[in-house]
Amino acid sequence: MSPEAALADLRRIQRHTVSIDKGAPIHGVSTVQPRQAETLAALNVKKPTIDAQLTLL
């Protein structure tokens, strides 16, 4: 896989924040597809998770 193709696949992984009726926000990461998981493994990169620092942004 080319670097461009790997970045295109990984760019589809998204972080989401949802708040309903002024409730506490819920944070999540989109589902990592098998091809994305293979790319992450090949690059020796961990699957993205909710990071405490992200909430500070």
C-alpha atoms as a PDB file:
ATOM      1  CA  MET A   1       0.000   0.000   0.000  1.00  0.00           C
ATOM      2  CA  SER A   2       1.327   3.411  -0.878  1.00  0.00           C
ATOM      3  CA  PRO A   3       1.698   6.112   1.786  1.00  0.00           C
ATOM      4  CA  GLU A   4      -1.064   8.093   0.045  1.00  0.00           C
ATOM      5  CA  ALA A   5      -3.466   5.135   0.164  1.00  0.00           C
ATOM      6  CA  ALA A   6      -2.657   4.479   3.827  1.00  0.00           C
ATOM      7  CA  LEU A   7      -3.328   8.105   4.738  1.00  0.00           C
ATOM      8  CA  ALA A   8      -6.562   8.104   2.741  1.00  0.00           C
ATOM      9  CA  ASP A   9      -7.789   5.036   4.658  1.00  0.00           C
ATOM     10  CA  LEU A  10      -6.780   6.410   8.051  1.00  0.00           C
ATOM     11  CA  ARG A  11      -8.240   9.837   7.302  1.00  0.00           C
ATOM     12  CA  ARG A  12     -11.685   8.215   7.410  1.00  0.00           C
ATOM     13  CA  ILE A  13     -11.319   7.461  11.132  1.00  0.00           C
ATOM     14  CA  GLN A  14     -13.125  10.259  12.931  1.00  0.00           C
ATOM     15  CA  ARG A  15     -13.683  11.472  16.476  1.00  0.00           C
ATOM     16  CA  HIS A  16     -17.245  12.444  17.359  1.00  0.00           C
ATOM     17  CA  THR A  17     -18.862  14.436  20.150  1.00  0.00           C
ATOM     18  CA  VAL A  18     -22.624  14.419  20.636  1.00  0.00           C
ATOM     19  CA  SER A  19     -24.722  16.378  23.103  1.00  0.00           C
ATOM     20  CA  ILE A  20     -28.521  16.063  23.284  1.00  0.00           C
ATOM     21  CA  ASP A  21     -30.747  18.632  25.003  1.00  0.00           C
ATOM     22  CA  LYS A  22     -27.860  20.318  26.821  1.00  0.00           C
ATOM     23  CA  GLY A  23     -26.822  16.975  28.306  1.00  0.00           C
ATOM     24  CA  ALA A  24     -23.278  15.962  29.008  1.00  0.00           C
ATOM     25  CA  PRO A  25     -21.362  15.412  25.787  1.00  0.00           C
ATOM     26  CA  ILE A  26     -20.621  11.859  24.732  1.00  0.00           C
ATOM     27  CA  HIS A  27     -17.316  11.280  22.936  1.00  0.00           C
ATOM     28  CA  GLY A  28     -16.452   8.440  20.612  1.00  0.00           C
ATOM     29  CA  VAL A  29     -14.313   7.229  17.738  1.00  0.00           C
ATOM     30  CA  SER A  30     -15.813   5.925  14.505  1.00  0.00           C
ATOM     31  CA  THR A  31     -15.664   2.193  13.903  1.00  0.00           C
ATOM     32  CA  VAL A  32     -12.261   1.136  12.629  1.00  0.00           C
ATOM     33  CA  GLN A  33     -12.776  -0.999   9.525  1.00  0.00           C
ATOM     34  CA  PRO A  34     -10.667  -4.141   8.977  1.00  0.00           C
ATOM     35  CA  ARG A  35      -8.520  -2.501   6.278  1.00  0.00           C
ATOM     36  CA  GLN A  36      -7.853   0.465   8.575  1.00  0.00           C
ATOM     37  CA  ALA A  37      -6.932  -1.924  11.407  1.00  0.00           C
ATOM     38  CA  GLU A  38      -4.506  -3.706   9.079  1.00  0.00           C
ATOM     39  CA  THR A  39      -2.946  -0.381   8.090  1.00  0.00           C
ATOM     40  CA  LEU A  40      -2.586   0.658  11.743  1.00  0.00           C
ATOM     41  CA  ALA A  41      -0.992  -2.709  12.575  1.00  0.00           C
ATOM     42  CA  ALA A  42       1.402  -2.473   9.624  1.00  0.00           C
ATOM     43  CA  LEU A  43       2.484   0.969  10.807  1.00  0.00           C
ATOM     44  CA  ASN A  44       2.734  -0.271  14.422  1.00  0.00           C
ATOM     45  CA  VAL A  45       0.232   2.390  15.536  1.00  0.00           C
ATOM     46  CA  LYS A  46      -2.381   1.808  18.237  1.00  0.00           C
ATOM     47  CA  LYS A  47      -6.081   2.103  17.453  1.00  0.00           C
ATOM     48  CA  PRO A  48      -7.288   5.625  18.312  1.00  0.00           C
ATOM     49  CA  THR A  49      -9.098   6.080  21.598  1.00  0.00           C
ATOM     50  CA  ILE A  50     -10.645   9.011  23.400  1.00  0.00           C
ATOM     51  CA  ASP A  51      -7.767  11.042  24.761  1.00  0.00           C
ATOM     52  CA  ALA A  52      -8.189  13.164  27.893  1.00  0.00           C
ATOM     53  CA  GLN A  53      -6.269  15.987  26.203  1.00  0.00           C
ATOM     54  CA  LEU A  54      -8.793  16.058  23.345  1.00  0.00           C
ATOM     55  CA  THR A  55     -11.529  17.247  25.695  1.00  0.00           C
ATOM     56  CA  LEU A  56      -9.457  20.306  26.523  1.00  0.00           C
ATOM     57  CA  LEU A  57      -9.577  21.559  22.942  1.00  0.00           C
END
